[in-house]
Amino acid sequence: MAFILAYSYMLVLFGGKPEIDSEFQVFIDAFYLFGIIHIGSIIGSIIAFLFILMDICYLRKKLKTHRNATIIRLAIILAITFIVFILHYTMEKVLDII
C-alpha cells in the first residue's frame, strides 16, 4: 500500500508520461521511468518503515479488540503518507534541499 501511494505521488509530481517523438526522447522517457521507480521506491520505503514502526509500537496494543482496526490502520497509513509528501514537497520545492 505504501509503495502504491508513493508511486501515485511521483506520477502526480512528475506529471504525465512524455510523448516520444524522436530518438532523443527515448532517453528522456528512460530517465522519467527511472525517476519514478527510484524515488517512488525510496519514499515508499520511508512510508512503510514509519507505518510498521507505528503499528508495532502503538497500534497493535490499542487496536487489539477494536472493531474497525483495519479502517483505522488505513487512515493512519494515509496520514503518514500525507505527512511524508508534505515534507518531501517542502524540502524539494520550497527549501531546495533535495
N, C-alpha and C. Protein backbone atom coordinates (compact mmCIF):
# COMPACT_ATOMS: atom_id res chain seq x y z
N MET A 1 0.82 -1.19 0.00
CA MET A 1 0.00 0.00 0.00
C MET A 1 0.87 1.25 0.00
N ALA A 2 1.94 1.23 0.80
CA ALA A 2 2.81 2.39 0.88
C ALA A 2 3.49 2.67 -0.47
N PHE A 3 3.88 1.62 -1.15
CA PHE A 3 4.55 1.81 -2.44
C PHE A 3 3.58 2.32 -3.50
N ILE A 4 2.35 1.86 -3.47
CA ILE A 4 1.34 2.34 -4.41
C ILE A 4 1.08 3.82 -4.18
N LEU A 5 0.99 4.23 -2.92
CA LEU A 5 0.78 5.63 -2.62
C LEU A 5 1.98 6.47 -3.05
N ALA A 6 3.17 5.95 -2.84
CA ALA A 6 4.37 6.69 -3.23
C ALA A 6 4.48 6.82 -4.74
N TYR A 7 4.20 5.74 -5.47
CA TYR A 7 4.25 5.82 -6.93
C TYR A 7 3.17 6.76 -7.46
N SER A 8 2.01 6.77 -6.84
CA SER A 8 0.95 7.69 -7.26
C SER A 8 1.39 9.13 -7.05
N TYR A 9 2.03 9.40 -5.93
CA TYR A 9 2.53 10.74 -5.66
C TYR A 9 3.58 11.15 -6.69
N MET A 10 4.46 10.23 -7.03
CA MET A 10 5.51 10.55 -8.01
C MET A 10 4.90 10.82 -9.38
N LEU A 11 3.87 10.10 -9.75
CA LEU A 11 3.20 10.37 -11.02
C LEU A 11 2.54 11.74 -11.03
N VAL A 12 1.96 12.13 -9.90
CA VAL A 12 1.36 13.46 -9.80
C VAL A 12 2.44 14.53 -9.83
N LEU A 13 3.55 14.29 -9.13
CA LEU A 13 4.63 15.26 -9.06
C LEU A 13 5.33 15.44 -10.41
N PHE A 14 5.61 14.34 -11.10
CA PHE A 14 6.31 14.41 -12.38
C PHE A 14 5.38 14.77 -13.53
N GLY A 15 4.11 14.58 -13.38
CA GLY A 15 3.17 14.83 -14.47
C GLY A 15 3.04 13.59 -15.34
N GLY A 16 2.36 13.76 -16.44
CA GLY A 16 2.13 12.64 -17.35
C GLY A 16 3.40 12.20 -18.05
N LYS A 17 3.33 11.01 -18.61
CA LYS A 17 4.48 10.46 -19.34
C LYS A 17 4.70 11.27 -20.61
N PRO A 18 5.96 11.68 -20.88
CA PRO A 18 6.20 12.48 -22.08
C PRO A 18 6.00 11.66 -23.36
N GLU A 19 5.51 12.33 -24.38
CA GLU A 19 5.31 11.65 -25.66
C GLU A 19 6.65 11.48 -26.37
N ILE A 20 6.80 10.35 -27.04
CA ILE A 20 8.05 10.05 -27.74
C ILE A 20 7.89 10.45 -29.20
N ASP A 21 8.61 11.52 -29.60
CA ASP A 21 8.57 11.99 -30.98
C ASP A 21 9.88 11.73 -31.71
N SER A 22 10.95 11.62 -30.98
CA SER A 22 12.25 11.43 -31.61
C SER A 22 13.06 10.40 -30.83
N GLU A 23 14.21 10.06 -31.35
CA GLU A 23 15.07 9.09 -30.68
C GLU A 23 15.63 9.64 -29.38
N PHE A 24 15.85 10.95 -29.32
CA PHE A 24 16.36 11.58 -28.11
C PHE A 24 15.36 11.45 -26.97
N GLN A 25 14.08 11.53 -27.28
CA GLN A 25 13.07 11.45 -26.24
C GLN A 25 12.93 10.05 -25.66
N VAL A 26 13.48 9.06 -26.32
CA VAL A 26 13.52 7.72 -25.75
C VAL A 26 14.37 7.74 -24.49
N PHE A 27 15.48 8.48 -24.52
CA PHE A 27 16.33 8.61 -23.35
C PHE A 27 15.64 9.39 -22.24
N ILE A 28 14.90 10.43 -22.62
CA ILE A 28 14.14 11.20 -21.64
C ILE A 28 13.09 10.31 -20.98
N ASP A 29 12.45 9.48 -21.77
CA ASP A 29 11.45 8.55 -21.23
C ASP A 29 12.09 7.56 -20.26
N ALA A 30 13.30 7.10 -20.58
CA ALA A 30 14.02 6.17 -19.70
C ALA A 30 14.34 6.84 -18.37
N PHE A 31 14.80 8.09 -18.40
CA PHE A 31 15.10 8.81 -17.16
C PHE A 31 13.82 9.09 -16.37
N TYR A 32 12.74 9.35 -17.06
CA TYR A 32 11.44 9.58 -16.41
C TYR A 32 11.02 8.34 -15.63
N LEU A 33 11.07 7.19 -16.29
CA LEU A 33 10.68 5.94 -15.62
C LEU A 33 11.64 5.59 -14.49
N PHE A 34 12.94 5.82 -14.70
CA PHE A 34 13.92 5.57 -13.64
C PHE A 34 13.63 6.45 -12.43
N GLY A 35 13.29 7.71 -12.67
CA GLY A 35 12.99 8.62 -11.57
C GLY A 35 11.77 8.18 -10.78
N ILE A 36 10.74 7.77 -11.49
CA ILE A 36 9.52 7.32 -10.80
C ILE A 36 9.80 6.06 -9.99
N ILE A 37 10.50 5.12 -10.57
CA ILE A 37 10.77 3.87 -9.86
C ILE A 37 11.73 4.09 -8.70
N HIS A 38 12.80 4.84 -8.94
CA HIS A 38 13.82 5.04 -7.92
C HIS A 38 13.31 5.88 -6.75
N ILE A 39 12.79 7.06 -7.04
CA ILE A 39 12.31 7.95 -5.99
C ILE A 39 11.06 7.37 -5.33
N GLY A 40 10.17 6.78 -6.12
CA GLY A 40 8.97 6.16 -5.55
C GLY A 40 9.30 5.03 -4.60
N SER A 41 10.33 4.26 -4.91
CA SER A 41 10.74 3.17 -4.01
C SER A 41 11.30 3.71 -2.70
N ILE A 42 12.08 4.77 -2.80
CA ILE A 42 12.64 5.36 -1.57
C ILE A 42 11.54 5.94 -0.69
N ILE A 43 10.65 6.71 -1.28
CA ILE A 43 9.56 7.30 -0.49
C ILE A 43 8.63 6.22 0.03
N GLY A 44 8.34 5.20 -0.77
CA GLY A 44 7.51 4.08 -0.31
C GLY A 44 8.14 3.34 0.84
N SER A 45 9.46 3.18 0.81
CA SER A 45 10.16 2.51 1.91
C SER A 45 10.08 3.33 3.19
N ILE A 46 10.20 4.64 3.06
CA ILE A 46 10.08 5.51 4.24
C ILE A 46 8.69 5.42 4.84
N ILE A 47 7.67 5.47 3.98
CA ILE A 47 6.29 5.37 4.46
C ILE A 47 6.05 4.01 5.12
N ALA A 48 6.51 2.94 4.48
CA ALA A 48 6.31 1.60 5.04
C ALA A 48 7.04 1.46 6.38
N PHE A 49 8.27 1.97 6.47
CA PHE A 49 9.02 1.88 7.72
C PHE A 49 8.31 2.62 8.84
N LEU A 50 7.84 3.83 8.57
CA LEU A 50 7.14 4.59 9.61
C LEU A 50 5.84 3.91 10.03
N PHE A 51 5.11 3.35 9.07
CA PHE A 51 3.86 2.69 9.42
C PHE A 51 4.12 1.42 10.22
N ILE A 52 5.09 0.62 9.81
CA ILE A 52 5.41 -0.62 10.54
C ILE A 52 5.87 -0.30 11.95
N LEU A 53 6.71 0.72 12.08
CA LEU A 53 7.17 1.13 13.40
C LEU A 53 6.01 1.57 14.27
N MET A 54 5.11 2.35 13.72
CA MET A 54 3.95 2.81 14.48
C MET A 54 3.01 1.65 14.80
N ASP A 55 2.86 0.73 13.86
CA ASP A 55 1.97 -0.42 14.08
C ASP A 55 2.51 -1.32 15.19
N ILE A 56 3.80 -1.59 15.16
CA ILE A 56 4.39 -2.48 16.16
C ILE A 56 4.40 -1.83 17.54
N CYS A 57 4.78 -0.57 17.60
CA CYS A 57 4.94 0.09 18.89
C CYS A 57 3.64 0.58 19.51
N TYR A 58 2.66 0.95 18.69
CA TYR A 58 1.50 1.61 19.27
C TYR A 58 0.16 0.99 18.87
N LEU A 59 -0.05 0.75 17.58
CA LEU A 59 -1.38 0.37 17.11
C LEU A 59 -1.80 -1.02 17.54
N ARG A 60 -0.89 -1.97 17.60
CA ARG A 60 -1.28 -3.34 17.97
C ARG A 60 -1.88 -3.40 19.36
N LYS A 61 -1.32 -2.65 20.27
CA LYS A 61 -1.84 -2.65 21.64
C LYS A 61 -3.19 -1.96 21.74
N LYS A 62 -3.33 -0.85 21.05
CA LYS A 62 -4.56 -0.08 21.14
C LYS A 62 -5.72 -0.68 20.35
N LEU A 63 -5.42 -1.35 19.23
CA LEU A 63 -6.48 -1.84 18.35
C LEU A 63 -6.73 -3.34 18.46
N LYS A 64 -6.28 -3.94 19.53
CA LYS A 64 -6.40 -5.39 19.67
C LYS A 64 -7.86 -5.84 19.65
N THR A 65 -8.72 -5.12 20.31
CA THR A 65 -10.13 -5.51 20.38
C THR A 65 -11.06 -4.54 19.65
N HIS A 66 -10.51 -3.63 18.91
CA HIS A 66 -11.33 -2.63 18.22
C HIS A 66 -11.95 -3.22 16.96
N ARG A 67 -13.21 -2.89 16.71
CA ARG A 67 -13.94 -3.45 15.56
C ARG A 67 -13.44 -2.91 14.23
N ASN A 68 -13.07 -1.66 14.18
CA ASN A 68 -12.67 -1.01 12.94
C ASN A 68 -11.16 -0.85 12.84
N ALA A 69 -10.42 -1.85 13.24
CA ALA A 69 -8.97 -1.76 13.27
C ALA A 69 -8.37 -1.56 11.88
N THR A 70 -8.92 -2.23 10.88
CA THR A 70 -8.39 -2.11 9.53
C THR A 70 -8.61 -0.71 8.96
N ILE A 71 -9.76 -0.15 9.21
CA ILE A 71 -10.05 1.20 8.73
C ILE A 71 -9.16 2.22 9.42
N ILE A 72 -8.94 2.04 10.70
CA ILE A 72 -8.06 2.95 11.44
C ILE A 72 -6.63 2.83 10.93
N ARG A 73 -6.17 1.61 10.66
CA ARG A 73 -4.82 1.43 10.11
C ARG A 73 -4.69 2.08 8.73
N LEU A 74 -5.72 1.95 7.91
CA LEU A 74 -5.71 2.59 6.59
C LEU A 74 -5.65 4.11 6.72
N ALA A 75 -6.42 4.66 7.66
CA ALA A 75 -6.38 6.10 7.89
C ALA A 75 -5.00 6.54 8.38
N ILE A 76 -4.37 5.74 9.22
CA ILE A 76 -3.03 6.06 9.74
C ILE A 76 -2.01 6.04 8.60
N ILE A 77 -2.06 5.05 7.72
CA ILE A 77 -1.08 5.00 6.63
C ILE A 77 -1.31 6.15 5.65
N LEU A 78 -2.56 6.55 5.44
CA LEU A 78 -2.82 7.72 4.60
C LEU A 78 -2.31 9.00 5.25
N ALA A 79 -2.45 9.11 6.57
CA ALA A 79 -1.95 10.28 7.28
C ALA A 79 -0.42 10.33 7.22
N ILE A 80 0.24 9.19 7.42
CA ILE A 80 1.70 9.14 7.33
C ILE A 80 2.14 9.51 5.91
N THR A 81 1.44 9.00 4.92
CA THR A 81 1.75 9.32 3.53
C THR A 81 1.62 10.82 3.28
N PHE A 82 0.56 11.41 3.77
CA PHE A 82 0.35 12.84 3.59
C PHE A 82 1.47 13.65 4.26
N ILE A 83 1.88 13.26 5.45
CA ILE A 83 2.95 13.96 6.15
C ILE A 83 4.27 13.83 5.39
N VAL A 84 4.58 12.62 4.90
CA VAL A 84 5.81 12.43 4.13
C VAL A 84 5.77 13.24 2.85
N PHE A 85 4.63 13.30 2.18
CA PHE A 85 4.52 14.09 0.95
C PHE A 85 4.71 15.58 1.21
N ILE A 86 4.13 16.07 2.30
CA ILE A 86 4.29 17.49 2.65
C ILE A 86 5.75 17.78 2.94
N LEU A 87 6.41 16.91 3.70
CA LEU A 87 7.83 17.11 4.00
C LEU A 87 8.68 17.05 2.73
N HIS A 88 8.39 16.10 1.86
CA HIS A 88 9.15 15.96 0.62
C HIS A 88 8.94 17.19 -0.26
N TYR A 89 7.71 17.63 -0.40
CA TYR A 89 7.43 18.80 -1.23
C TYR A 89 8.11 20.04 -0.66
N THR A 90 8.05 20.21 0.65
CA THR A 90 8.67 21.37 1.29
C THR A 90 10.18 21.36 1.09
N MET A 91 10.80 20.21 1.27
CA MET A 91 12.25 20.15 1.11
C MET A 91 12.67 20.30 -0.34
N GLU A 92 11.86 19.82 -1.27
CA GLU A 92 12.25 19.87 -2.67
C GLU A 92 11.92 21.21 -3.32
N LYS A 93 10.72 21.70 -3.14
CA LYS A 93 10.29 22.90 -3.85
C LYS A 93 10.52 24.19 -3.08
N VAL A 94 10.27 24.17 -1.78
CA VAL A 94 10.36 25.40 -1.00
C VAL A 94 11.78 25.67 -0.52
N LEU A 95 12.39 24.69 0.14
CA LEU A 95 13.72 24.88 0.71
C LEU A 95 14.85 24.52 -0.25
N ASP A 96 14.54 23.80 -1.32
CA ASP A 96 15.52 23.38 -2.33
C ASP A 96 16.68 22.59 -1.71
N ILE A 97 16.34 21.66 -0.82
CA ILE A 97 17.35 20.80 -0.20
C ILE A 97 17.57 19.56 -1.03
N ILE A 98 16.51 19.00 -1.57
CA ILE A 98 16.62 17.76 -2.33
C ILE A 98 16.88 18.09 -3.79
